[in-house]
Amino acid sequence: QAPLEQIRTYSRALFLHWTEEPFSAHFRRMLTLEQYRDPEMGRLYQHYLADGPIAYMTQLFRQLTGLGIGIGHLYLLYSLSDGGWSREAVLAAVDGHIDRFAAELTDVAHR
């Protein structure tokens, strides 16, 4: 249970960093727009918001479980937040996603 809480804490902190910290939120939005126009911006977008976090979580899950499973839910939730979802609704979605993932992970481990 402790690793799951660490994952939940990390996921919530990462989401809040990229949506509520003024510089980070503006930087994320700029990268989202510019990733298609400028290859360097595309690389930065992948590093900070896509491949980078997913690779980190995959490595974390591999260390915790021995399985090569990762999650890539945060950048979708950034879009929901930008689209007007409330902070509470998006954080509830983060928690729900982690709970579903934990249930699936438990199911995989028991097979």
N, C-alpha and C. Protein backbone atom coordinates (compact mmCIF):
# COMPACT_ATOMS: atom_id res chain seq x y z
N GLN A 1 0.82 -1.20 0.00
CA GLN A 1 0.00 0.00 0.00
C GLN A 1 0.86 1.26 0.00
N ALA A 2 2.00 1.23 0.69
CA ALA A 2 2.86 2.43 0.75
C ALA A 2 3.32 2.86 -0.63
N PRO A 3 3.79 1.95 -1.52
CA PRO A 3 4.18 2.41 -2.85
C PRO A 3 3.03 3.04 -3.63
N LEU A 4 1.81 2.51 -3.45
CA LEU A 4 0.65 3.10 -4.13
C LEU A 4 0.43 4.52 -3.66
N GLU A 5 0.56 4.78 -2.38
CA GLU A 5 0.40 6.13 -1.87
C GLU A 5 1.50 7.06 -2.39
N GLN A 6 2.71 6.53 -2.56
CA GLN A 6 3.80 7.33 -3.12
C GLN A 6 3.48 7.69 -4.57
N ILE A 7 2.94 6.74 -5.31
CA ILE A 7 2.57 6.99 -6.70
C ILE A 7 1.45 8.02 -6.77
N ARG A 8 0.47 7.88 -5.87
CA ARG A 8 -0.64 8.84 -5.83
C ARG A 8 -0.10 10.24 -5.52
N THR A 9 0.76 10.34 -4.51
CA THR A 9 1.33 11.63 -4.12
C THR A 9 2.13 12.23 -5.28
N TYR A 10 2.94 11.42 -5.95
CA TYR A 10 3.74 11.89 -7.09
C TYR A 10 2.82 12.38 -8.22
N SER A 11 1.80 11.60 -8.54
CA SER A 11 0.92 11.94 -9.65
C SER A 11 0.16 13.24 -9.37
N ARG A 12 -0.34 13.39 -8.16
CA ARG A 12 -1.07 14.61 -7.81
C ARG A 12 -0.12 15.82 -7.82
N ALA A 13 1.08 15.65 -7.28
CA ALA A 13 2.04 16.76 -7.25
C ALA A 13 2.44 17.17 -8.67
N LEU A 14 2.66 16.18 -9.54
CA LEU A 14 3.02 16.48 -10.93
C LEU A 14 1.89 17.21 -11.63
N PHE A 15 0.67 16.73 -11.44
CA PHE A 15 -0.48 17.39 -12.05
C PHE A 15 -0.60 18.84 -11.57
N LEU A 16 -0.54 19.04 -10.27
CA LEU A 16 -0.67 20.39 -9.72
C LEU A 16 0.47 21.30 -10.18
N HIS A 17 1.67 20.75 -10.28
CA HIS A 17 2.80 21.54 -10.77
C HIS A 17 2.54 22.07 -12.18
N TRP A 18 2.08 21.20 -13.07
CA TRP A 18 1.91 21.58 -14.47
C TRP A 18 0.61 22.33 -14.73
N THR A 19 -0.30 22.40 -13.75
CA THR A 19 -1.55 23.12 -13.98
C THR A 19 -1.72 24.35 -13.11
N GLU A 20 -1.06 24.41 -11.96
CA GLU A 20 -1.30 25.53 -11.04
C GLU A 20 -0.10 26.44 -10.81
N GLU A 21 1.10 25.95 -11.04
CA GLU A 21 2.28 26.83 -10.93
C GLU A 21 2.28 27.72 -12.18
N PRO A 22 2.24 29.04 -12.02
CA PRO A 22 2.08 29.92 -13.19
C PRO A 22 3.10 29.68 -14.30
N PHE A 23 4.39 29.65 -13.98
CA PHE A 23 5.39 29.46 -15.03
C PHE A 23 5.21 28.10 -15.70
N SER A 24 5.06 27.06 -14.89
CA SER A 24 4.94 25.70 -15.44
C SER A 24 3.69 25.54 -16.29
N ALA A 25 2.57 26.10 -15.84
CA ALA A 25 1.34 26.00 -16.62
C ALA A 25 1.46 26.71 -17.96
N HIS A 26 2.05 27.91 -17.96
CA HIS A 26 2.24 28.64 -19.22
C HIS A 26 3.24 27.92 -20.13
N PHE A 27 4.29 27.39 -19.55
CA PHE A 27 5.30 26.65 -20.32
C PHE A 27 4.66 25.41 -20.96
N ARG A 28 3.85 24.68 -20.19
CA ARG A 28 3.18 23.48 -20.72
C ARG A 28 2.26 23.85 -21.87
N ARG A 29 1.49 24.91 -21.70
CA ARG A 29 0.57 25.31 -22.77
C ARG A 29 1.33 25.76 -24.02
N MET A 30 2.43 26.49 -23.81
CA MET A 30 3.25 26.91 -24.95
C MET A 30 3.82 25.70 -25.67
N LEU A 31 4.34 24.73 -24.90
CA LEU A 31 4.88 23.52 -25.54
C LEU A 31 3.80 22.76 -26.28
N THR A 32 2.61 22.70 -25.71
CA THR A 32 1.51 22.00 -26.36
C THR A 32 1.22 22.60 -27.73
N LEU A 33 1.22 23.92 -27.82
CA LEU A 33 0.96 24.59 -29.10
C LEU A 33 2.14 24.50 -30.06
N GLU A 34 3.32 24.70 -29.54
CA GLU A 34 4.51 24.82 -30.39
C GLU A 34 5.13 23.48 -30.79
N GLN A 35 4.72 22.39 -30.17
CA GLN A 35 5.34 21.10 -30.46
C GLN A 35 5.20 20.69 -31.93
N TYR A 36 4.18 21.18 -32.60
CA TYR A 36 3.94 20.82 -34.00
C TYR A 36 4.67 21.75 -34.97
N ARG A 37 5.05 22.93 -34.51
CA ARG A 37 5.69 23.92 -35.38
C ARG A 37 7.20 23.81 -35.34
N ASP A 38 7.73 23.50 -34.19
CA ASP A 38 9.18 23.53 -34.00
C ASP A 38 9.64 22.19 -33.43
N PRO A 39 10.50 21.47 -34.13
CA PRO A 39 10.96 20.16 -33.65
C PRO A 39 11.58 20.20 -32.25
N GLU A 40 12.29 21.27 -31.93
CA GLU A 40 12.88 21.38 -30.59
C GLU A 40 11.79 21.48 -29.53
N MET A 41 10.74 22.21 -29.81
CA MET A 41 9.62 22.30 -28.86
C MET A 41 8.93 20.94 -28.73
N GLY A 42 8.86 20.21 -29.84
CA GLY A 42 8.31 18.87 -29.80
C GLY A 42 9.13 17.95 -28.90
N ARG A 43 10.45 18.06 -28.98
CA ARG A 43 11.33 17.25 -28.12
C ARG A 43 11.14 17.64 -26.65
N LEU A 44 11.04 18.94 -26.38
CA LEU A 44 10.83 19.38 -25.00
C LEU A 44 9.48 18.90 -24.47
N TYR A 45 8.45 18.98 -25.31
CA TYR A 45 7.14 18.50 -24.91
C TYR A 45 7.21 17.01 -24.52
N GLN A 46 7.82 16.23 -25.37
CA GLN A 46 7.95 14.80 -25.08
C GLN A 46 8.73 14.56 -23.79
N HIS A 47 9.82 15.29 -23.61
CA HIS A 47 10.66 15.11 -22.43
C HIS A 47 9.94 15.45 -21.14
N TYR A 48 9.25 16.58 -21.12
CA TYR A 48 8.63 17.06 -19.89
C TYR A 48 7.22 16.52 -19.65
N LEU A 49 6.47 16.26 -20.72
CA LEU A 49 5.04 15.98 -20.56
C LEU A 49 4.58 14.62 -21.08
N ALA A 50 5.39 13.93 -21.82
CA ALA A 50 4.93 12.66 -22.39
C ALA A 50 5.91 11.54 -22.09
N ASP A 51 6.89 11.35 -22.97
CA ASP A 51 7.82 10.23 -22.80
C ASP A 51 8.57 10.26 -21.48
N GLY A 52 8.99 11.44 -21.03
CA GLY A 52 9.76 11.54 -19.80
C GLY A 52 9.00 11.02 -18.58
N PRO A 53 7.81 11.57 -18.29
CA PRO A 53 7.05 11.07 -17.14
C PRO A 53 6.64 9.61 -17.27
N ILE A 54 6.28 9.20 -18.49
CA ILE A 54 5.88 7.81 -18.68
C ILE A 54 7.06 6.87 -18.44
N ALA A 55 8.23 7.24 -18.94
CA ALA A 55 9.43 6.42 -18.71
C ALA A 55 9.74 6.33 -17.21
N TYR A 56 9.60 7.44 -16.51
CA TYR A 56 9.87 7.45 -15.07
C TYR A 56 8.90 6.52 -14.34
N MET A 57 7.61 6.63 -14.64
CA MET A 57 6.62 5.79 -13.97
C MET A 57 6.81 4.32 -14.34
N THR A 58 7.16 4.03 -15.58
CA THR A 58 7.41 2.66 -15.99
C THR A 58 8.57 2.08 -15.19
N GLN A 59 9.64 2.85 -15.05
CA GLN A 59 10.78 2.41 -14.26
C GLN A 59 10.39 2.19 -12.81
N LEU A 60 9.61 3.08 -12.26
CA LEU A 60 9.16 2.96 -10.88
C LEU A 60 8.33 1.68 -10.70
N PHE A 61 7.37 1.44 -11.59
CA PHE A 61 6.56 0.23 -11.49
C PHE A 61 7.39 -1.03 -11.68
N ARG A 62 8.35 -0.97 -12.57
CA ARG A 62 9.22 -2.12 -12.77
C ARG A 62 9.99 -2.43 -11.49
N GLN A 63 10.48 -1.41 -10.81
CA GLN A 63 11.20 -1.61 -9.55
C GLN A 63 10.27 -2.15 -8.47
N LEU A 64 9.06 -1.67 -8.42
CA LEU A 64 8.12 -2.08 -7.37
C LEU A 64 7.53 -3.46 -7.61
N THR A 65 7.32 -3.81 -8.87
CA THR A 65 6.55 -5.01 -9.18
C THR A 65 7.29 -6.03 -10.03
N GLY A 66 8.34 -5.61 -10.67
CA GLY A 66 9.00 -6.50 -11.63
C GLY A 66 8.30 -6.53 -12.97
N LEU A 67 7.24 -5.75 -13.12
CA LEU A 67 6.48 -5.71 -14.37
C LEU A 67 6.81 -4.44 -15.13
N GLY A 68 6.81 -4.50 -16.43
CA GLY A 68 7.09 -3.33 -17.25
C GLY A 68 5.84 -2.55 -17.56
N ILE A 69 5.11 -2.13 -16.55
CA ILE A 69 3.84 -1.42 -16.72
C ILE A 69 4.04 0.04 -16.36
N GLY A 70 3.54 0.93 -17.16
CA GLY A 70 3.59 2.35 -16.84
C GLY A 70 2.23 2.97 -17.05
N ILE A 71 2.08 4.20 -16.60
CA ILE A 71 0.81 4.89 -16.80
C ILE A 71 1.08 6.21 -17.48
N GLY A 72 0.17 6.63 -18.33
CA GLY A 72 0.33 7.87 -19.06
C GLY A 72 -0.92 8.71 -19.02
N HIS A 73 -1.47 8.91 -17.84
CA HIS A 73 -2.75 9.59 -17.72
C HIS A 73 -2.64 11.09 -17.53
N LEU A 74 -1.51 11.59 -17.08
CA LEU A 74 -1.46 12.99 -16.66
C LEU A 74 -1.65 13.98 -17.79
N TYR A 75 -1.05 13.74 -18.96
CA TYR A 75 -1.21 14.76 -19.99
C TYR A 75 -2.64 14.85 -20.52
N LEU A 76 -3.40 13.76 -20.44
CA LEU A 76 -4.83 13.84 -20.77
C LEU A 76 -5.55 14.70 -19.74
N LEU A 77 -5.18 14.52 -18.47
CA LEU A 77 -5.83 15.30 -17.42
C LEU A 77 -5.46 16.77 -17.49
N TYR A 78 -4.27 17.09 -18.00
CA TYR A 78 -3.92 18.49 -18.22
C TYR A 78 -4.94 19.12 -19.17
N SER A 79 -5.27 18.39 -20.22
CA SER A 79 -6.22 18.91 -21.20
C SER A 79 -7.60 19.11 -20.59
N LEU A 80 -8.02 18.19 -19.75
CA LEU A 80 -9.32 18.35 -19.09
C LEU A 80 -9.31 19.57 -18.19
N SER A 81 -8.22 19.77 -17.49
CA SER A 81 -8.09 20.95 -16.63
C SER A 81 -8.15 22.23 -17.46
N ASP A 82 -7.41 22.25 -18.56
CA ASP A 82 -7.43 23.41 -19.44
C ASP A 82 -8.82 23.64 -20.04
N GLY A 83 -9.56 22.55 -20.22
CA GLY A 83 -10.89 22.63 -20.82
C GLY A 83 -11.98 23.06 -19.86
N GLY A 84 -11.63 23.30 -18.60
CA GLY A 84 -12.61 23.82 -17.67
C GLY A 84 -13.03 22.89 -16.55
N TRP A 85 -12.52 21.66 -16.53
CA TRP A 85 -12.84 20.79 -15.40
C TRP A 85 -12.31 21.43 -14.14
N SER A 86 -13.00 21.27 -13.03
CA SER A 86 -12.55 21.83 -11.76
C SER A 86 -11.34 21.05 -11.25
N ARG A 87 -10.56 21.72 -10.44
CA ARG A 87 -9.38 21.10 -9.83
C ARG A 87 -9.80 19.83 -9.07
N GLU A 88 -10.89 19.90 -8.32
CA GLU A 88 -11.34 18.77 -7.53
C GLU A 88 -11.74 17.60 -8.43
N ALA A 89 -12.42 17.89 -9.53
CA ALA A 89 -12.85 16.82 -10.44
C ALA A 89 -11.64 16.14 -11.08
N VAL A 90 -10.65 16.93 -11.48
CA VAL A 90 -9.48 16.33 -12.12
C VAL A 90 -8.66 15.54 -11.11
N LEU A 91 -8.49 16.06 -9.89
CA LEU A 91 -7.76 15.31 -8.87
C LEU A 91 -8.51 14.02 -8.50
N ALA A 92 -9.82 14.05 -8.50
CA ALA A 92 -10.59 12.83 -8.27
C ALA A 92 -10.34 11.84 -9.41
N ALA A 93 -10.22 12.34 -10.63
CA ALA A 93 -9.92 11.47 -11.77
C ALA A 93 -8.51 10.88 -11.63
N VAL A 94 -7.54 11.68 -11.16
CA VAL A 94 -6.19 11.16 -10.91
C VAL A 94 -6.27 10.01 -9.90
N ASP A 95 -6.96 10.24 -8.79
CA ASP A 95 -7.08 9.20 -7.76
C ASP A 95 -7.80 7.96 -8.29
N GLY A 96 -8.88 8.17 -9.02
CA GLY A 96 -9.62 7.04 -9.59
C GLY A 96 -8.78 6.24 -10.55
N HIS A 97 -7.99 6.92 -11.37
CA HIS A 97 -7.13 6.23 -12.32
C HIS A 97 -6.10 5.38 -11.57
N ILE A 98 -5.51 5.93 -10.54
CA ILE A 98 -4.51 5.19 -9.77
C ILE A 98 -5.15 4.00 -9.08
N ASP A 99 -6.34 4.16 -8.55
CA ASP A 99 -7.04 3.05 -7.91
C ASP A 99 -7.34 1.94 -8.91
N ARG A 100 -7.81 2.29 -10.11
CA ARG A 100 -8.07 1.29 -11.14
C ARG A 100 -6.79 0.59 -11.57
N PHE A 101 -5.73 1.39 -11.72
CA PHE A 101 -4.45 0.81 -12.10
C PHE A 101 -3.96 -0.16 -11.03
N ALA A 102 -4.10 0.21 -9.75
CA ALA A 102 -3.67 -0.67 -8.66
C ALA A 102 -4.46 -1.97 -8.67
N ALA A 103 -5.78 -1.88 -8.94
CA ALA A 103 -6.61 -3.08 -9.00
C ALA A 103 -6.15 -3.98 -10.15
N GLU A 104 -5.87 -3.39 -11.31
CA GLU A 104 -5.39 -4.17 -12.44
C GLU A 104 -4.03 -4.79 -12.15
N LEU A 105 -3.18 -4.03 -11.50
CA LEU A 105 -1.85 -4.53 -11.14
C LEU A 105 -1.96 -5.69 -10.18
N THR A 106 -2.86 -5.60 -9.22
CA THR A 106 -3.08 -6.70 -8.27
C THR A 106 -3.59 -7.92 -9.00
N ASP A 107 -4.50 -7.71 -9.96
CA ASP A 107 -5.04 -8.81 -10.74
C ASP A 107 -3.94 -9.50 -11.55
N VAL A 108 -3.07 -8.72 -12.17
CA VAL A 108 -1.96 -9.28 -12.95
C VAL A 108 -1.03 -10.07 -12.04
N ALA A 109 -0.75 -9.55 -10.86
CA ALA A 109 0.16 -10.21 -9.94
C ALA A 109 -0.39 -11.55 -9.43
N HIS A 110 -1.70 -11.68 -9.38
CA HIS A 110 -2.33 -12.92 -8.88
C HIS A 110 -2.55 -13.96 -9.95
N ARG A 111 -2.26 -13.64 -11.18
CA ARG A 111 -2.46 -14.62 -12.27
C ARG A 111 -1.37 -15.63 -12.27
